[in-house]
Amino acid sequence: MNAPRAARLLSAGILAASLMALAVACGSRTGLFSDELAEGGPFPPPNPSALPDASRDAAVDRAVPEDALPPLDARVIPDVVQSDCPDAASTLVYVITTDNELFSFYPPDASFRLIGRIACPAPAGTTPFSMAVDRNGVAFVAFNDGNLYRISTLTAACTKTTFAPNQQGFSTFGMGFATKDLGPAESLFVAADNQSGPPRGLGVIDTTTFRLTSLGAFTPSIDRAELTGTGDGRLYGFYTKAGREGSFIGEIDKANARVVGETQLRTVDQGSGWAFASWGGDFYLFTAPDSPASRVTRYRPSDNSTTIVANLGTLVVGAGVSTCAPSQ
């Protein structure tokens, strides 16, 4: 993600090396709602339903040994509610960089377009850390000091939210929206990515009150997690695991933070900046193994393939896509 993530990456690398020595981290092209036309200001009103519905996830309520996790199952769930989505196929992924640049990314042709440079009322020296995009195409960007901002995906206009940093011990975090059940109501989930102190696991932010509620520690333990969600109510993480090669994509139970299935991507290293988004049944991974440039890798669960589809000469630290995005 940004410079602090890069610094933490170095620290994590030193720690990992020490341990090894002892043993032998969406708006739309045309189709989403125009956040500039919302009544009462440049943004649509916040979603009043911000807390997760645990009914779908509560059934998976058992401890799962790490070595027994099933592979990721990202098959399409039928009957997803998209009646409020004008044109799912035109939905874009949005990414934010350490240089405060907001880009759109269109998965079918792997093209980037610069929307603008954000000018948030942030303290000097702070930079973007992570991003999520709600169903209406409004971006929420967390900075490395823990503050949270709302950004127009049409103009890059930025306003500060009332979110108070360090709630429940979540100092910095990855983030992503996922619907409740099959939609359209959704919640903003966060994955603690603290640079020091104990792991905090999964949480959810009410985007009306901006209060953060902790949902529990990740089981099994995962590190450096970014999140993305889908319109069928599922939440996914892109993360690393101590002592394991490459990275992982896993489905996370929204009720209790348990990883219910995962796939290891041995050739995909997060590097010094990482983010990801789900679109059309595939996952798009933004990584920086050769910092400060970013690489885009498509992971396709249907055939378990990974393909590098694009590069960007700047460091991506956050990505977000509306839950209106197509699922296949």
Protein backbone atom coordinates (compact mmCIF):
# COMPACT_ATOMS: atom_id res chain seq x y z
CA MET A 1 0.00 0.00 0.00
CA ASN A 2 1.77 3.26 0.84
CA ALA A 3 5.14 4.11 2.36
CA PRO A 4 4.21 2.85 5.85
CA ARG A 5 3.14 -0.43 4.25
CA ALA A 6 6.43 -0.57 2.45
CA ALA A 7 8.19 0.04 5.76
CA ARG A 8 6.11 -2.61 7.43
CA LEU A 9 6.86 -4.95 4.56
CA LEU A 10 10.59 -4.50 5.26
CA SER A 11 10.04 -5.14 8.97
CA ALA A 12 7.93 -8.19 8.20
CA GLY A 13 10.61 -9.45 5.87
CA ILE A 14 13.27 -9.08 8.57
CA LEU A 15 11.05 -10.89 11.07
CA ALA A 16 10.28 -13.67 8.59
CA ALA A 17 13.96 -14.07 7.81
CA SER A 18 14.77 -14.34 11.52
CA LEU A 19 12.10 -16.97 12.04
CA MET A 20 13.35 -18.98 9.08
CA ALA A 21 16.88 -18.89 10.47
CA LEU A 22 15.64 -20.27 13.76
CA ALA A 23 13.58 -22.97 12.11
CA VAL A 24 16.36 -24.09 9.56
CA ALA A 25 1.79 -9.39 4.12
CA CYS A 26 -16.75 1.21 -9.11
CA GLY A 27 -18.58 3.36 -10.17
CA SER A 28 -19.37 2.99 -13.80
CA ARG A 29 -18.31 3.53 -17.31
CA THR A 30 -21.83 4.72 -17.96
CA GLY A 31 -24.03 2.53 -15.86
CA LEU A 32 -23.76 3.31 -12.14
CA PHE A 33 -25.56 6.14 -10.45
CA SER A 34 -24.01 9.56 -10.99
CA ASP A 35 -22.74 10.61 -7.59
CA GLU A 36 -22.58 14.20 -8.83
CA LEU A 37 -26.35 14.31 -9.27
CA ALA A 38 -27.37 13.14 -5.81
CA GLU A 39 -29.76 15.46 -4.03
CA GLY A 40 -28.14 17.61 -1.39
CA GLY A 41 -24.55 17.49 -2.53
CA PRO A 42 -21.90 15.77 -4.60
CA PHE A 43 -22.55 12.35 -3.09
CA PRO A 44 -25.62 10.08 -2.77
CA PRO A 45 -27.07 9.60 0.71
CA PRO A 46 -25.32 6.90 2.75
CA ASN A 47 -26.72 3.40 2.92
CA PRO A 48 -28.75 3.21 6.14
CA SER A 49 -28.06 -0.52 6.47
CA ALA A 50 -24.44 -0.80 7.47
CA LEU A 51 -24.23 -3.77 9.81
CA PRO A 52 -23.84 -7.28 8.38
CA ASP A 53 -26.58 -9.87 8.20
CA ALA A 54 -25.02 -13.01 9.65
CA SER A 55 -27.86 -15.32 8.60
CA ARG A 56 -26.10 -16.66 5.50
CA ASP A 57 -22.71 -17.02 7.14
CA ALA A 58 -23.73 -18.36 10.53
CA ALA A 59 -24.10 -21.87 9.11
CA VAL A 60 -20.32 -22.01 8.67
CA ASP A 61 -19.57 -21.88 12.37
CA ARG A 62 -16.90 -24.40 13.08
CA ALA A 63 -13.17 -24.35 13.57
CA VAL A 64 -11.36 -25.31 10.38
CA PRO A 65 -7.78 -26.60 10.66
CA GLU A 66 -5.45 -24.61 8.42
CA ASP A 67 -4.26 -27.68 6.53
CA ALA A 68 -7.85 -28.78 5.88
CA LEU A 69 -9.27 -25.66 4.23
CA PRO A 70 -11.13 -26.48 1.01
CA PRO A 71 -10.23 -24.62 -2.19
CA LEU A 72 -11.90 -21.32 -2.98
CA ASP A 73 -15.40 -21.75 -4.43
CA ALA A 74 -16.40 -18.62 -6.37
CA ARG A 75 -19.14 -20.15 -8.49
CA VAL A 76 -22.04 -17.84 -9.27
CA ILE A 77 -24.99 -17.89 -6.87
CA PRO A 78 -28.32 -17.43 -8.72
CA ASP A 79 -31.01 -14.86 -7.98
CA VAL A 80 -28.67 -11.98 -7.12
CA VAL A 81 -30.65 -8.73 -6.87
CA GLN A 82 -29.41 -6.27 -9.51
CA SER A 83 -32.63 -4.49 -10.35
CA ASP A 84 -31.13 -1.27 -8.98
CA CYS A 85 -28.01 -1.62 -11.16
CA PRO A 86 -28.43 0.28 -14.44
CA ASP A 87 -25.75 -1.58 -16.42
CA ALA A 88 -23.59 -4.09 -14.59
CA ALA A 89 -21.38 -4.81 -17.60
CA SER A 90 -20.23 -1.19 -17.72
CA THR A 91 -19.12 -1.15 -14.09
CA LEU A 92 -15.53 -0.08 -13.53
CA VAL A 93 -12.93 -0.96 -10.96
CA TYR A 94 -11.31 2.08 -9.32
CA VAL A 95 -7.79 2.28 -7.93
CA ILE A 96 -5.94 4.86 -5.82
CA THR A 97 -2.17 5.42 -5.77
CA THR A 98 0.37 6.78 -3.30
CA ASP A 99 0.56 9.86 -5.54
CA ASN A 100 -3.13 10.59 -4.82
CA GLU A 101 -4.14 9.60 -8.35
CA LEU A 102 -7.57 8.09 -8.92
CA PHE A 103 -7.79 5.77 -11.92
CA SER A 104 -10.56 3.68 -13.41
CA PHE A 105 -9.75 0.20 -14.67
CA TYR A 106 -11.97 -1.65 -17.14
CA PRO A 107 -11.38 -5.43 -16.85
CA PRO A 108 -12.56 -6.54 -20.32
CA ASP A 109 -9.74 -4.64 -22.04
CA ALA A 110 -7.46 -4.12 -19.01
CA SER A 111 -7.32 -0.36 -19.63
CA PHE A 112 -6.65 2.41 -17.13
CA ARG A 113 -7.97 5.97 -17.29
CA LEU A 114 -6.85 8.79 -15.01
CA ILE A 115 -9.86 10.48 -13.41
CA GLY A 116 -7.91 13.04 -11.41
CA ARG A 117 -5.71 13.74 -8.45
CA ILE A 118 -7.55 13.78 -5.13
CA ALA A 119 -7.05 16.75 -2.81
CA CYS A 120 -8.35 15.52 0.52
CA PRO A 121 -8.12 17.74 3.63
CA ALA A 122 -5.53 15.35 5.05
CA PRO A 123 -2.57 16.18 7.31
CA ALA A 124 0.70 16.84 5.51
CA GLY A 125 2.70 13.70 4.86
CA THR A 126 -0.24 11.29 4.95
CA THR A 127 -1.12 9.20 1.92
CA PRO A 128 -3.84 6.79 0.77
CA PHE A 129 -3.70 3.32 2.30
CA SER A 130 -6.77 1.43 1.07
CA MET A 131 -10.04 1.96 -0.80
CA ALA A 132 -13.54 0.55 -1.23
CA VAL A 133 -16.36 1.60 -3.56
CA ASP A 134 -20.03 1.40 -2.63
CA ARG A 135 -22.95 0.30 -4.78
CA ASN A 136 -23.56 3.89 -5.92
CA GLY A 137 -20.00 4.34 -7.12
CA VAL A 138 -18.74 6.46 -4.22
CA ALA A 139 -15.22 5.66 -3.05
CA PHE A 140 -14.15 5.50 0.58
CA VAL A 141 -10.39 5.95 0.98
CA ALA A 142 -8.52 5.26 4.21
CA PHE A 143 -5.25 7.14 4.73
CA ASN A 144 -2.24 5.84 6.60
CA ASP A 145 -3.09 7.94 9.67
CA GLY A 146 -6.44 6.13 10.00
CA ASN A 147 -8.69 8.91 8.67
CA LEU A 148 -11.43 8.02 6.19
CA TYR A 149 -12.53 10.15 3.21
CA ARG A 150 -15.35 10.01 0.64
CA ILE A 151 -14.30 10.56 -2.97
CA SER A 152 -16.33 11.06 -6.13
CA THR A 153 -15.39 8.54 -8.80
CA LEU A 154 -16.54 11.05 -11.42
CA THR A 155 -14.49 14.09 -10.42
CA ALA A 156 -12.07 12.91 -7.68
CA ALA A 157 -13.64 15.48 -5.30
CA CYS A 158 -12.88 14.56 -1.69
CA THR A 159 -14.55 15.24 1.68
CA LYS A 160 -13.62 14.03 5.15
CA THR A 161 -15.98 11.69 7.00
CA THR A 162 -16.66 11.75 10.73
CA PHE A 163 -14.88 8.43 11.21
CA ALA A 164 -12.65 8.49 14.31
CA PRO A 165 -9.34 6.66 13.76
CA ASN A 166 -8.19 3.71 15.88
CA GLN A 167 -11.64 2.46 16.86
CA GLN A 168 -11.51 -1.03 18.42
CA GLY A 169 -7.75 -0.97 17.88
CA PHE A 170 -8.08 -0.81 14.06
CA SER A 171 -5.37 1.73 13.21
CA THR A 172 -5.06 0.92 9.49
CA PHE A 173 -7.09 -1.56 7.47
CA GLY A 174 -7.95 -3.06 4.12
CA MET A 175 -11.59 -2.65 3.12
CA GLY A 176 -14.38 -3.74 0.80
CA PHE A 177 -18.17 -3.67 0.47
CA ALA A 178 -20.26 -6.84 0.33
CA THR A 179 -24.02 -7.17 0.10
CA LYS A 180 -26.27 -8.62 2.78
CA ASP A 181 -27.48 -11.95 1.42
CA LEU A 182 -28.19 -11.35 -2.29
CA GLY A 183 -28.49 -7.55 -2.06
CA PRO A 184 -29.00 -4.77 -2.62
CA ALA A 185 -28.22 -3.62 0.97
CA GLU A 186 -24.50 -3.74 1.70
CA SER A 187 -21.92 -3.22 4.45
CA LEU A 188 -18.37 -1.87 4.53
CA PHE A 189 -16.03 -4.54 5.92
CA VAL A 190 -12.50 -3.81 7.11
CA ALA A 191 -9.49 -6.05 7.78
CA ALA A 192 -7.08 -4.71 10.40
CA ASP A 193 -3.59 -4.21 9.04
CA ASN A 194 -1.94 -2.74 12.12
CA GLN A 195 1.77 -2.13 11.85
CA SER A 196 2.24 -2.98 15.52
CA GLY A 197 0.29 -4.63 18.32
CA PRO A 198 -1.91 -7.72 18.25
CA PRO A 199 -3.94 -8.66 15.16
CA ARG A 200 -7.48 -7.29 15.19
CA GLY A 201 -9.15 -9.33 12.47
CA LEU A 202 -12.39 -8.37 10.73
CA GLY A 203 -14.65 -5.41 11.42
CA VAL A 204 -17.52 -3.50 9.84
CA ILE A 205 -18.06 0.26 9.57
CA ASP A 206 -21.53 1.78 9.65
CA THR A 207 -21.34 4.39 6.89
CA THR A 208 -24.12 6.42 8.53
CA THR A 209 -22.60 6.77 12.00
CA PHE A 210 -19.03 5.79 11.03
CA ARG A 211 -18.81 3.54 14.04
CA LEU A 212 -16.58 0.46 13.70
CA THR A 213 -17.66 -2.87 15.17
CA SER A 214 -15.14 -5.70 15.59
CA LEU A 215 -16.33 -9.10 14.34
CA GLY A 216 -13.43 -11.26 15.54
CA ALA A 217 -9.91 -12.41 14.76
CA PHE A 218 -9.24 -14.22 11.49
CA THR A 219 -9.23 -18.02 11.82
CA PRO A 220 -6.81 -19.33 10.73
CA SER A 221 -4.50 -16.34 11.09
CA ILE A 222 -3.85 -14.30 7.92
CA ASP A 223 -1.70 -11.24 7.26
CA ARG A 224 -1.76 -8.13 5.04
CA ALA A 225 -5.37 -8.67 4.01
CA GLU A 226 -7.26 -6.62 1.46
CA LEU A 227 -10.97 -7.21 0.90
CA THR A 228 -13.46 -7.28 -1.94
CA GLY A 229 -17.11 -8.26 -1.91
CA THR A 230 -19.74 -9.33 -4.40
CA GLY A 231 -23.42 -8.82 -5.07
CA ASP A 232 -24.21 -12.36 -3.91
CA GLY A 233 -23.18 -11.56 -0.34
CA ARG A 234 -19.72 -13.09 -0.31
CA LEU A 235 -16.59 -11.45 1.11
CA TYR A 236 -13.11 -12.32 -0.13
CA GLY A 237 -9.63 -11.57 1.14
CA PHE A 238 -6.28 -11.26 -0.64
CA TYR A 239 -3.61 -12.00 1.95
CA THR A 240 -0.38 -13.71 2.95
CA LYS A 241 0.32 -16.34 5.60
CA ALA A 242 3.44 -16.63 7.73
CA GLY A 243 5.90 -19.12 6.32
CA ARG A 244 3.85 -19.75 3.15
CA GLU A 245 4.89 -18.97 -0.40
CA GLY A 246 3.21 -16.29 -2.51
CA SER A 247 -0.27 -15.13 -1.54
CA PHE A 248 -3.82 -16.42 -1.08
CA ILE A 249 -7.39 -15.57 -2.03
CA GLY A 250 -9.94 -16.83 0.45
CA GLU A 251 -13.64 -16.50 1.24
CA ILE A 252 -14.21 -15.00 4.69
CA ASP A 253 -17.26 -15.67 6.83
CA LYS A 254 -18.74 -12.22 7.51
CA ALA A 255 -20.22 -13.32 10.83
CA ASN A 256 -17.09 -14.59 12.57
CA ALA A 257 -14.00 -13.83 10.40
CA ARG A 258 -13.29 -17.48 9.63
CA VAL A 259 -11.68 -18.38 6.32
CA VAL A 260 -13.96 -21.02 4.82
CA GLY A 261 -11.99 -21.76 1.66
CA GLU A 262 -8.83 -20.50 -0.01
CA THR A 263 -6.54 -20.93 -2.99
CA GLN A 264 -2.80 -20.34 -2.84
CA LEU A 265 -1.22 -18.24 -5.59
CA ARG A 266 2.42 -19.27 -5.37
CA THR A 267 3.62 -16.93 -8.12
CA VAL A 268 1.80 -13.79 -6.97
CA ASP A 269 3.78 -11.68 -4.50
CA GLN A 270 2.05 -8.67 -2.99
CA GLY A 271 5.21 -6.59 -2.94
CA SER A 272 5.16 -3.11 -1.39
CA GLY A 273 1.61 -2.21 -2.48
CA TRP A 274 -1.43 -4.40 -3.06
CA ALA A 275 -5.17 -4.29 -3.67
CA PHE A 276 -7.77 -6.41 -5.42
CA ALA A 277 -11.29 -6.49 -6.82
CA SER A 278 -13.79 -9.04 -8.11
CA TRP A 279 -15.31 -8.55 -11.57
CA GLY A 280 -17.06 -10.96 -13.95
CA GLY A 281 -16.24 -14.06 -11.92
CA ASP A 282 -12.51 -13.26 -11.88
CA PHE A 283 -10.25 -11.54 -9.36
CA TYR A 284 -7.94 -8.69 -10.35
CA LEU A 285 -4.84 -8.41 -8.17
CA PHE A 286 -2.88 -5.15 -8.09
CA THR A 287 0.60 -5.86 -6.73
CA ALA A 288 4.02 -4.22 -6.68
CA PRO A 289 6.75 -6.87 -6.70
CA ASP A 290 8.87 -4.34 -8.64
CA SER A 291 7.95 -1.18 -6.72
CA PRO A 292 7.14 1.60 -7.47
CA ALA A 293 5.30 0.21 -10.50
CA SER A 294 2.17 -1.93 -10.15
CA ARG A 295 1.21 -5.11 -11.94
CA VAL A 296 -2.32 -6.38 -12.61
CA THR A 297 -2.82 -10.14 -12.45
CA ARG A 298 -6.12 -11.83 -13.25
CA TYR A 299 -6.93 -14.93 -11.25
CA ARG A 300 -9.66 -17.03 -12.87
CA PRO A 301 -11.20 -19.52 -10.41
CA SER A 302 -13.00 -21.43 -13.17
CA ASP A 303 -9.71 -22.82 -14.50
CA ASN A 304 -7.36 -21.85 -11.65
CA SER A 305 -5.24 -19.71 -13.99
CA THR A 306 -3.24 -16.54 -13.31
CA THR A 307 -2.45 -14.11 -16.13
CA ILE A 308 -0.66 -10.76 -16.06
CA VAL A 309 -2.99 -8.41 -17.96
CA ALA A 310 -1.62 -4.90 -17.38
CA ASN A 311 1.01 -2.72 -15.76
CA LEU A 312 0.83 0.79 -14.30
CA GLY A 313 3.87 2.94 -13.66
CA THR A 314 2.77 4.08 -10.22
CA LEU A 315 2.07 2.39 -6.89
CA VAL A 316 -1.54 1.22 -6.42
CA VAL A 317 -2.50 0.91 -2.74
CA GLY A 318 -6.27 0.53 -2.94
CA ALA A 319 -8.96 -0.80 -5.27
CA GLY A 320 -12.73 -0.86 -5.15
CA VAL A 321 -15.64 -2.00 -7.26
CA SER A 322 -19.39 -1.69 -6.86
CA THR A 323 -21.33 -4.78 -5.83
CA CYS A 324 -23.28 -4.12 -9.04
CA ALA A 325 -20.33 -5.53 -10.98
CA PRO A 326 -21.12 -8.60 -13.08
CA SER A 327 -20.57 -11.97 -11.44
CA GLN A 328 -19.77 -13.89 -14.63
